[in-house]
PDB file of N, CA and C in Angstrom:
ATOM      1  N   MET A   1      94.266  74.610 155.781  1.00  0.00           N
ATOM      2  CA  MET A   1      93.287  74.607 155.398  1.00  0.00           C
ATOM      3  C   MET A   1      93.348  76.263 154.214  1.00  0.00           C
ATOM      4  N   ALA A   2      93.907  77.098 154.946  1.00  0.00           N
ATOM      5  CA  ALA A   2      94.401  78.353 154.056  1.00  0.00           C
ATOM      6  C   ALA A   2      95.192  77.868 152.927  1.00  0.00           C
ATOM      7  N   LEU A   3      96.342  77.181 153.116  1.00  0.00           N
ATOM      8  CA  LEU A   3      96.962  76.651 151.961  1.00  0.00           C
ATOM      9  C   LEU A   3      96.120  75.860 150.679  1.00  0.00           C
ATOM     10  N   VAL A   4      95.040  75.037 151.213  1.00  0.00           N
ATOM     11  CA  VAL A   4      94.315  74.771 150.406  1.00  0.00           C
ATOM     12  C   VAL A   4      93.752  75.569 149.660  1.00  0.00           C
ATOM     13  N   ASP A   5      93.407  76.910 150.387  1.00  0.00           N
ATOM     14  CA  ASP A   5      92.453  77.663 149.548  1.00  0.00           C
ATOM     15  C   ASP A   5      93.535  78.405 148.766  1.00  0.00           C
ATOM     16  N   ASP A   6      94.181  79.139 149.295  1.00  0.00           N
ATOM     17  CA  ASP A   6      95.562  79.256 148.610  1.00  0.00           C
ATOM     18  C   ASP A   6      95.939  79.111 147.345  1.00  0.00           C
ATOM     19  N   ALA A   7      96.134  77.430 147.051  1.00  0.00           N
ATOM     20  CA  ALA A   7      96.312  76.490 145.954  1.00  0.00           C
ATOM     21  C   ALA A   7      95.018  76.674 145.000  1.00  0.00           C
ATOM     22  N   LYS A   8      94.045  76.455 145.489  1.00  0.00           N
ATOM     23  CA  LYS A   8      93.071  76.459 144.759  1.00  0.00           C
ATOM     24  C   LYS A   8      92.730  77.839 143.699  1.00  0.00           C
ATOM     25  N   ALA A   9      93.049  79.194 144.784  1.00  0.00           N
ATOM     26  CA  ALA A   9      93.146  80.453 144.131  1.00  0.00           C
ATOM     27  C   ALA A   9      93.661  80.235 143.245  1.00  0.00           C
ATOM     28  N   LEU A  10      95.388  79.855 143.388  1.00  0.00           N
ATOM     29  CA  LEU A  10      96.131  79.961 142.186  1.00  0.00           C
ATOM     30  C   LEU A  10      95.947  79.078 140.894  1.00  0.00           C
ATOM     31  N   VAL A  11      95.250  77.900 140.995  1.00  0.00           N
ATOM     32  CA  VAL A  11      94.859  77.396 139.916  1.00  0.00           C
ATOM     33  C   VAL A  11      93.724  77.605 139.787  1.00  0.00           C
ATOM     34  N   THR A  12      93.160  78.860 139.945  1.00  0.00           N
ATOM     35  CA  THR A  12      91.998  79.595 139.283  1.00  0.00           C
ATOM     36  C   THR A  12      92.658  80.512 138.788  1.00  0.00           C
ATOM     37  N   ASP A  13      93.868  81.026 138.983  1.00  0.00           N
ATOM     38  CA  ASP A  13      94.128  82.449 138.441  1.00  0.00           C
ATOM     39  C   ASP A  13      94.827  81.995 137.262  1.00  0.00           C
ATOM     40  N   PHE A  14      95.662  80.370 137.417  1.00  0.00           N
ATOM     41  CA  PHE A  14      96.263  80.121 135.965  1.00  0.00           C
ATOM     42  C   PHE A  14      95.533  79.584 135.077  1.00  0.00           C
ATOM     43  N   THR A  15      94.407  79.339 135.566  1.00  0.00           N
ATOM     44  CA  THR A  15      93.362  79.413 134.122  1.00  0.00           C
ATOM     45  C   THR A  15      92.579  79.765 133.381  1.00  0.00           C
ATOM     46  N   GLU A  16      92.567  80.888 134.261  1.00  0.00           N
ATOM     47  CA  GLU A  16      92.191  82.202 133.858  1.00  0.00           C
ATOM     48  C   GLU A  16      93.766  82.930 132.795  1.00  0.00           C
ATOM     49  N   ILE A  17      94.750  82.649 133.456  1.00  0.00           N
ATOM     50  CA  ILE A  17      95.681  83.041 132.657  1.00  0.00           C
ATOM     51  C   ILE A  17      96.200  82.478 131.067  1.00  0.00           C
ATOM     52  N   LEU A  18      95.695  81.215 131.199  1.00  0.00           N
ATOM     53  CA  LEU A  18      95.726  80.509 130.305  1.00  0.00           C
ATOM     54  C   LEU A  18      94.615  80.459 129.110  1.00  0.00           C
ATOM     55  N   SER A  19      93.645  81.059 129.589  1.00  0.00           N
ATOM     56  CA  SER A  19      92.686  81.158 128.979  1.00  0.00           C
ATOM     57  C   SER A  19      92.846  82.539 128.191  1.00  0.00           C
ATOM     58  N   ASP A  20      93.412  83.562 128.887  1.00  0.00           N
ATOM     59  CA  ASP A  20      93.442  84.882 127.981  1.00  0.00           C
ATOM     60  C   ASP A  20      94.896  84.782 127.274  1.00  0.00           C
ATOM     61  N   ILE A  21      95.954  83.693 127.489  1.00  0.00           N
ATOM     62  CA  ILE A  21      96.634  83.584 126.637  1.00  0.00           C
ATOM     63  C   ILE A  21      96.476  82.725 125.184  1.00  0.00           C
ATOM     64  N   GLU A  22      95.560  81.882 125.265  1.00  0.00           N
ATOM     65  CA  GLU A  22      94.832  81.083 124.400  1.00  0.00           C
ATOM     66  C   GLU A  22      93.842  82.234 123.717  1.00  0.00           C
ATOM     67  N   GLN A  23      93.178  83.081 124.200  1.00  0.00           N
ATOM     68  CA  GLN A  23      92.540  83.850 123.319  1.00  0.00           C
ATOM     69  C   GLN A  23      93.526  85.186 122.675  1.00  0.00           C
ATOM     70  N   ALA A  24      94.330  85.322 123.210  1.00  0.00           N
ATOM     71  CA  ALA A  24      95.518  86.190 122.659  1.00  0.00           C
ATOM     72  C   ALA A  24      95.791  85.557 121.254  1.00  0.00           C
ATOM     73  N   GLY A  25      96.397  84.281 121.320  1.00  0.00           N
ATOM     74  CA  GLY A  25      96.885  83.028 120.234  1.00  0.00           C
ATOM     75  C   GLY A  25      95.945  83.310 119.248  1.00  0.00           C
ATOM     76  N   ILE A  26      94.426  83.087 119.622  1.00  0.00           N
ATOM     77  CA  ILE A  26      93.464  82.962 118.617  1.00  0.00           C
ATOM     78  C   ILE A  26      93.757  84.360 117.934  1.00  0.00           C
ATOM     79  N   ALA A  27      93.005  85.450 118.141  1.00  0.00           N
ATOM     80  CA  ALA A  27      93.279  87.006 118.056  1.00  0.00           C
ATOM     81  C   ALA A  27      94.420  86.867 117.040  1.00  0.00           C
ATOM     82  N   TYR A  28      95.815  86.605 117.266  1.00  0.00           N
ATOM     83  CA  TYR A  28      96.903  86.789 116.814  1.00  0.00           C
ATOM     84  C   TYR A  28      96.728  85.993 115.533  1.00  0.00           C
ATOM     85  N   THR A  29      96.607  84.898 115.308  1.00  0.00           N
ATOM     86  CA  THR A  29      96.489  83.762 114.516  1.00  0.00           C
ATOM     87  C   THR A  29      95.264  84.714 113.053  1.00  0.00           C
ATOM     88  N   LYS A  30      94.147  85.226 113.938  1.00  0.00           N
ATOM     89  CA  LYS A  30      93.577  85.681 113.108  1.00  0.00           C
ATOM     90  C   LYS A  30      93.696  86.998 112.228  1.00  0.00           C
ATOM     91  N   ALA A  31      94.437  87.528 113.052  1.00  0.00           N
ATOM     92  CA  ALA A  31      95.311  88.786 112.357  1.00  0.00           C
ATOM     93  C   ALA A  31      96.205  88.366 111.509  1.00  0.00           C
ATOM     94  N   TYR A  32      96.569  87.813 111.409  1.00  0.00           N
ATOM     95  CA  TYR A  32      98.188  87.351 110.646  1.00  0.00           C
ATOM     96  C   TYR A  32      97.384  86.800 109.724  1.00  0.00           C
ATOM     97  N   GLU A  33      95.969  85.673 109.626  1.00  0.00           N
ATOM     98  CA  GLU A  33      95.763  85.389 108.584  1.00  0.00           C
ATOM     99  C   GLU A  33      95.241  86.630 107.667  1.00  0.00           C
ATOM    100  N   VAL A  34      94.682  87.591 107.952  1.00  0.00           N
ATOM    101  CA  VAL A  34      94.461  89.021 107.099  1.00  0.00           C
ATOM    102  C   VAL A  34      95.443  89.412 106.611  1.00  0.00           C
ATOM    103  N   ILE A  35      96.227  89.731 107.489  1.00  0.00           N
ATOM    104  CA  ILE A  35      97.603  90.493 106.796  1.00  0.00           C
ATOM    105  C   ILE A  35      98.408  89.298 105.559  1.00  0.00           C
ATOM    106  N   ASP A  36      98.388  88.281 106.233  1.00  0.00           N
ATOM    107  CA  ASP A  36      98.800  87.047 104.971  1.00  0.00           C
ATOM    108  C   ASP A  36      98.160  87.260 104.072  1.00  0.00           C
ATOM    109  N   MET A  37      96.789  87.342 103.819  1.00  0.00           N
ATOM    110  CA  MET A  37      95.505  87.943 102.797  1.00  0.00           C
ATOM    111  C   MET A  37      96.005  88.941 102.352  1.00  0.00           C
ATOM    112  N   GLN A  38      95.943  89.794 102.761  1.00  0.00           N
ATOM    113  CA  GLN A  38      96.463  91.205 102.035  1.00  0.00           C
ATOM    114  C   GLN A  38      97.645  91.396 101.357  1.00  0.00           C
ATOM    115  N   GLY A  39      98.575  90.703 102.101  1.00  0.00           N
ATOM    116  CA  GLY A  39      99.888  90.511 101.144  1.00  0.00           C
ATOM    117  C   GLY A  39      99.556  89.937  99.809  1.00  0.00           C
ATOM    118  N   SER A  40      99.090  88.978  99.824  1.00  0.00           N
ATOM    119  CA  SER A  40      98.961  88.015  98.935  1.00  0.00           C
ATOM    120  C   SER A  40      97.771  88.971  97.688  1.00  0.00           C
ATOM    121  N   MET A  41      97.126  89.598  97.803  1.00  0.00           N
ATOM    122  CA  MET A  41      96.487  90.216  97.400  1.00  0.00           C
ATOM    123  C   MET A  41      97.305  91.541  96.772  1.00  0.00           C
ATOM    124  N   GLY A  42      98.093  92.348  97.496  1.00  0.00           N
ATOM    125  CA  GLY A  42      99.269  93.193  96.923  1.00  0.00           C
ATOM    126  C   GLY A  42      99.985  92.949  95.796  1.00  0.00           C
ATOM    127  N   LEU A  43     100.581  91.058  96.080  1.00  0.00           N
ATOM    128  CA  LEU A  43     101.624  90.907  95.396  1.00  0.00           C
ATOM    129  C   LEU A  43     100.891  90.649  93.832  1.00  0.00           C
ATOM    130  N   GLU A  44      99.623  89.983  94.168  1.00  0.00           N
ATOM    131  CA  GLU A  44      98.806  89.674  92.893  1.00  0.00           C
ATOM    132  C   GLU A  44      98.502  90.988  92.004  1.00  0.00           C
ATOM    133  N   LEU A  45      98.556  92.246  92.767  1.00  0.00           N
ATOM    134  CA  LEU A  45      98.258  93.458  91.865  1.00  0.00           C
ATOM    135  C   LEU A  45      99.159  94.176  91.397  1.00  0.00           C
ATOM    136  N   PHE A  46     100.676  93.751  92.340  1.00  0.00           N
ATOM    137  CA  PHE A  46     101.545  94.234  91.917  1.00  0.00           C
ATOM    138  C   PHE A  46     101.832  93.657  90.346  1.00  0.00           C
ATOM    139  N   ASN A  47     101.716  92.030  90.517  1.00  0.00           N
ATOM    140  CA  ASN A  47     101.792  91.311  89.337  1.00  0.00           C
ATOM    141  C   ASN A  47     101.147  91.450  88.001  1.00  0.00           C
ATOM    142  N   ASP A  48      99.596  92.232  88.101  1.00  0.00           N
ATOM    143  CA  ASP A  48      99.017  92.523  87.358  1.00  0.00           C
ATOM    144  C   ASP A  48      99.120  94.003  86.722  1.00  0.00           C
ATOM    145  N   ALA A  49      99.889  94.890  87.959  1.00  0.00           N
ATOM    146  CA  ALA A  49     100.563  95.928  87.479  1.00  0.00           C
ATOM    147  C   ALA A  49     101.518  96.090  86.191  1.00  0.00           C
ATOM    148  N   LYS A  50     102.483  94.992  86.714  1.00  0.00           N
ATOM    149  CA  LYS A  50     103.640  95.299  86.114  1.00  0.00           C
ATOM    150  C   LYS A  50     103.081  93.948  84.407  1.00  0.00           C
ATOM    151  N   ASN A  51     101.993  93.683  84.451  1.00  0.00           N
ATOM    152  CA  ASN A  51     101.722  92.900  83.131  1.00  0.00           C
ATOM    153  C   ASN A  51     101.437  94.079  82.285  1.00  0.00           C
ATOM    154  N   VAL A  52     100.526  95.188  82.977  1.00  0.00           N
ATOM    155  CA  VAL A  52     100.206  96.529  82.329  1.00  0.00           C
ATOM    156  C   VAL A  52     101.176  96.719  81.443  1.00  0.00           C
ATOM    157  N   VAL A  53     102.453  97.348  82.417  1.00  0.00           N
ATOM    158  CA  VAL A  53     103.369  97.936  81.744  1.00  0.00           C
ATOM    159  C   VAL A  53     104.171  97.171  80.821  1.00  0.00           C
ATOM    160  N   ASP A  54     104.377  95.816  80.894  1.00  0.00           N
ATOM    161  CA  ASP A  54     105.026  94.967  79.841  1.00  0.00           C
ATOM    162  C   ASP A  54     104.103  94.925  78.535  1.00  0.00           C
ATOM    163  N   LYS A  55     102.499  95.006  78.769  1.00  0.00           N
ATOM    164  CA  LYS A  55     101.916  94.975  77.307  1.00  0.00           C
ATOM    165  C   LYS A  55     102.021  95.918  76.601  1.00  0.00           C
ATOM    166  N   LEU A  56     102.274  97.291  77.724  1.00  0.00           N
ATOM    167  CA  LEU A  56     102.138  98.912  76.869  1.00  0.00           C
ATOM    168  C   LEU A  56     103.426  99.046  76.275  1.00  0.00           C
ATOM    169  N   GLU A  57     104.245  98.661  76.915  1.00  0.00           N
ATOM    170  CA  GLU A  57     105.678  98.256  75.912  1.00  0.00           C
ATOM    171  C   GLU A  57     105.677  97.527  74.536  1.00  0.00           C
ATOM    172  N   ALA A  58     105.336  96.591  75.043  1.00  0.00           N
ATOM    173  CA  ALA A  58     105.418  95.751  74.045  1.00  0.00           C
ATOM    174  C   ALA A  58     104.569  96.676  72.814  1.00  0.00           C
ATOM    175  N   ALA A  59     103.283  96.816  72.786  1.00  0.00           N
ATOM    176  CA  ALA A  59     102.515  97.718  71.818  1.00  0.00           C
ATOM    177  C   ALA A  59     103.462  98.739  71.109  1.00  0.00           C
ATOM    178  N   TYR A  60     103.956  99.637  72.127  1.00  0.00           N
ATOM    179  CA  TYR A  60     104.859 100.634  71.425  1.00  0.00           C
ATOM    180  C   TYR A  60     105.861  99.986  70.548  1.00  0.00           C
ATOM    181  N   LYS A  61     106.535  99.020  70.787  1.00  0.00           N
ATOM    182  CA  LYS A  61     107.785  98.337  70.491  1.00  0.00           C
ATOM    183  C   LYS A  61     107.294  97.712  69.244  1.00  0.00           C
ATOM    184  N   ALA A  62     106.276  97.070  68.930  1.00  0.00           N
ATOM    185  CA  ALA A  62     105.249  96.618  68.009  1.00  0.00           C
ATOM    186  C   ALA A  62     105.209  97.657  66.898  1.00  0.00           C
ATOM    187  N   LEU A  63     104.712  98.856  67.104  1.00  0.00           N
ATOM    188  CA  LEU A  63     104.662  99.875  66.544  1.00  0.00           C
ATOM    189  C   LEU A  63     105.967 100.679  65.875  1.00  0.00           C
ATOM    190  N   GLY A  64     107.128 100.396  66.322  1.00  0.00           N
ATOM    191  CA  GLY A  64     108.615 100.882  66.068  1.00  0.00           C
ATOM    192  C   GLY A  64     108.942 102.385  66.796  1.00  0.00           C
ATOM    193  N   VAL A  65     107.838 102.569  67.964  1.00  0.00           N
ATOM    194  CA  VAL A  65     108.224 103.328  68.549  1.00  0.00           C
ATOM    195  C   VAL A  65     108.827 103.213  69.826  1.00  0.00           C
ATOM    196  N   ASP A  66     109.857 104.150  70.473  1.00  0.00           N
ATOM    197  CA  ASP A  66     110.088 104.005  71.420  1.00  0.00           C
ATOM    198  C   ASP A  66     109.236 104.213  72.760  1.00  0.00           C
ATOM    199  N   PRO A  67     108.889 103.353  73.771  1.00  0.00           N
ATOM    200  CA  PRO A  67     108.130 103.641  74.592  1.00  0.00           C
ATOM    201  C   PRO A  67     108.449 104.973  75.755  1.00  0.00           C
ATOM    202  N   ARG A  68     109.791 104.930  75.912  1.00  0.00           N
ATOM    203  CA  ARG A  68     110.202 106.411  76.763  1.00  0.00           C
ATOM    204  C   ARG A  68     109.907 107.427  76.371  1.00  0.00           C
ATOM    205  N   LEU A  69     109.601 107.533  74.740  1.00  0.00           N
ATOM    206  CA  LEU A  69     108.851 108.497  74.557  1.00  0.00           C
ATOM    207  C   LEU A  69     107.649 109.311  74.632  1.00  0.00           C
ATOM    208  N   SER A  70     106.727 108.427  75.105  1.00  0.00           N
ATOM    209  CA  SER A  70     105.621 108.320  75.360  1.00  0.00           C
ATOM    210  C   SER A  70     105.200 108.942  76.572  1.00  0.00           C
ATOM    211  N   ASN A  71     104.502 109.845  77.449  1.00  0.00           N
ATOM    212  CA  ASN A  71     104.044 110.480  77.954  1.00  0.00           C
ATOM    213  C   ASN A  71     102.654 109.675  78.952  1.00  0.00           C
ATOM    214  N   GLU A  72     102.389 108.706  78.389  1.00  0.00           N
ATOM    215  CA  GLU A  72     101.552 107.799  78.674  1.00  0.00           C
ATOM    216  C   GLU A  72     102.554 106.623  79.703  1.00  0.00           C
ATOM    217  N   TYR A  73     103.714 106.288  78.824  1.00  0.00           N
ATOM    218  CA  TYR A  73     104.424 104.845  79.536  1.00  0.00           C
ATOM    219  C   TYR A  73     105.306 105.631  80.674  1.00  0.00           C
ATOM    220  N   LYS A  74     105.911 107.093  80.144  1.00  0.00           N
ATOM    221  CA  LYS A  74     106.685 107.503  81.278  1.00  0.00           C
ATOM    222  C   LYS A  74     105.849 107.597  82.979  1.00  0.00           C
ATOM    223  N   LYS A  75     104.529 108.057  82.740  1.00  0.00           N
ATOM    224  CA  LYS A  75     103.681 108.040  83.923  1.00  0.00           C
ATOM    225  C   LYS A  75     103.227 106.908  84.048  1.00  0.00           C
ATOM    226  N   LEU A  76     103.463 105.743  83.613  1.00  0.00           N
ATOM    227  CA  LEU A  76     103.031 104.682  84.062  1.00  0.00           C
ATOM    228  C   LEU A  76     104.135 103.558  84.920  1.00  0.00           C
ATOM    229  N   ILE A  77     105.466 104.473  84.171  1.00  0.00           N
ATOM    230  CA  ILE A  77     106.754 103.999  85.110  1.00  0.00           C
ATOM    231  C   ILE A  77     106.928 104.763  86.259  1.00  0.00           C
ATOM    232  N   GLN A  78     106.629 106.070  86.332  1.00  0.00           N
ATOM    233  CA  GLN A  78     106.487 106.704  87.720  1.00  0.00           C
ATOM    234  C   GLN A  78     105.539 105.713  88.624  1.00  0.00           C
ATOM    235  N   GLN A  79     104.381 105.641  88.206  1.00  0.00           N
ATOM    236  CA  GLN A  79     103.206 104.675  89.387  1.00  0.00           C
ATOM    237  C   GLN A  79     104.036 103.528  89.570  1.00  0.00           C
ATOM    238  N   MET A  80     104.981 102.433  88.341  1.00  0.00           N
ATOM    239  CA  MET A  80     105.325 101.507  89.119  1.00  0.00           C
ATOM    240  C   MET A  80     106.572 101.959  89.891  1.00  0.00           C
ATOM    241  N   ASP A  81     106.764 102.958  89.825  1.00  0.00           N
ATOM    242  CA  ASP A  81     108.106 103.307  91.269  1.00  0.00           C
ATOM    243  C   ASP A  81     107.143 103.691  92.146  1.00  0.00           C
ATOM    244  N   THR A  82     106.425 104.143  92.255  1.00  0.00           N
ATOM    245  CA  THR A  82     105.425 104.361  93.050  1.00  0.00           C
ATOM    246  C   THR A  82     104.755 102.902  94.308  1.00  0.00           C
ATOM    247  N   LEU A  83     104.533 102.225  93.274  1.00  0.00           N
ATOM    248  CA  LEU A  83     104.001 100.920  93.881  1.00  0.00           C
ATOM    249  C   LEU A  83     105.541 100.251  94.453  1.00  0.00           C
ATOM    250  N   LEU A  84     106.351 100.076  93.761  1.00  0.00           N
ATOM    251  CA  LEU A  84     107.339  99.198  94.576  1.00  0.00           C
ATOM    252  C   LEU A  84     108.052  99.654  95.500  1.00  0.00           C
ATOM    253  N   THR A  85     107.459 101.095  95.670  1.00  0.00           N
ATOM    254  CA  THR A  85     107.827 101.929  97.198  1.00  0.00           C
ATOM    255  C   THR A  85     106.792 101.162  97.840  1.00  0.00           C
ATOM    256  N   TYR A  86     105.787 100.779  97.730  1.00  0.00           N
ATOM    257  CA  TYR A  86     104.670 100.698  98.716  1.00  0.00           C
ATOM    258  C   TYR A  86     104.396  99.185  98.807  1.00  0.00           C
ATOM    259  N   ARG A  87     105.142  98.676  97.768  1.00  0.00           N
ATOM    260  CA  ARG A  87     105.636  97.029  98.077  1.00  0.00           C
ATOM    261  C   ARG A  87     107.074  97.171  99.227  1.00  0.00           C
ATOM    262  N   LYS A  88     107.821  97.744  99.229  1.00  0.00           N
ATOM    263  CA  LYS A  88     108.830  97.813 100.271  1.00  0.00           C
ATOM    264  C   LYS A  88     108.301  98.079 101.492  1.00  0.00           C
ATOM    265  N   ARG A  89     107.506  99.120 101.706  1.00  0.00           N
ATOM    266  CA  ARG A  89     107.017  99.650 102.826  1.00  0.00           C
ATOM    267  C   ARG A  89     106.162  98.500 103.479  1.00  0.00           C
ATOM    268  N   TYR A  90     105.181  98.000 102.977  1.00  0.00           N
ATOM    269  CA  TYR A  90     104.355  97.566 103.230  1.00  0.00           C
ATOM    270  C   TYR A  90     104.510  95.715 103.097  1.00  0.00           C
ATOM    271  N   ASN A  91     105.658  95.483 102.534  1.00  0.00           N
ATOM    272  CA  ASN A  91     106.253  94.374 102.504  1.00  0.00           C
ATOM    273  C   ASN A  91     105.640  92.899 102.071  1.00  0.00           C
ATOM    274  N   PHE A  92     105.307  93.239 100.598  1.00  0.00           N
ATOM    275  CA  PHE A  92     104.201  92.063  99.764  1.00  0.00           C
ATOM    276  C   PHE A  92     105.276  92.217  98.664  1.00  0.00           C
TER     277      PHE A  92
END
């Protein structure tokens, strides 16, 4: 009789463990979905920022001006460097 009770207790314990594993898996999946979404948003913002730099550079070139002489362009390039650092750090 004690063996049957021990077996029932082990089954109950195992069921609880499986439930905990399932809950952890669900939480992991939800967290990963958020991380993936944030990474996609970060990549989209990076592309938007790159487009701004390209447009500014094209505008200066259309005027026959070297964009590297512009303080605004230099600041934008520094900001892009910072963005690249973030992209590497946060892996997007």
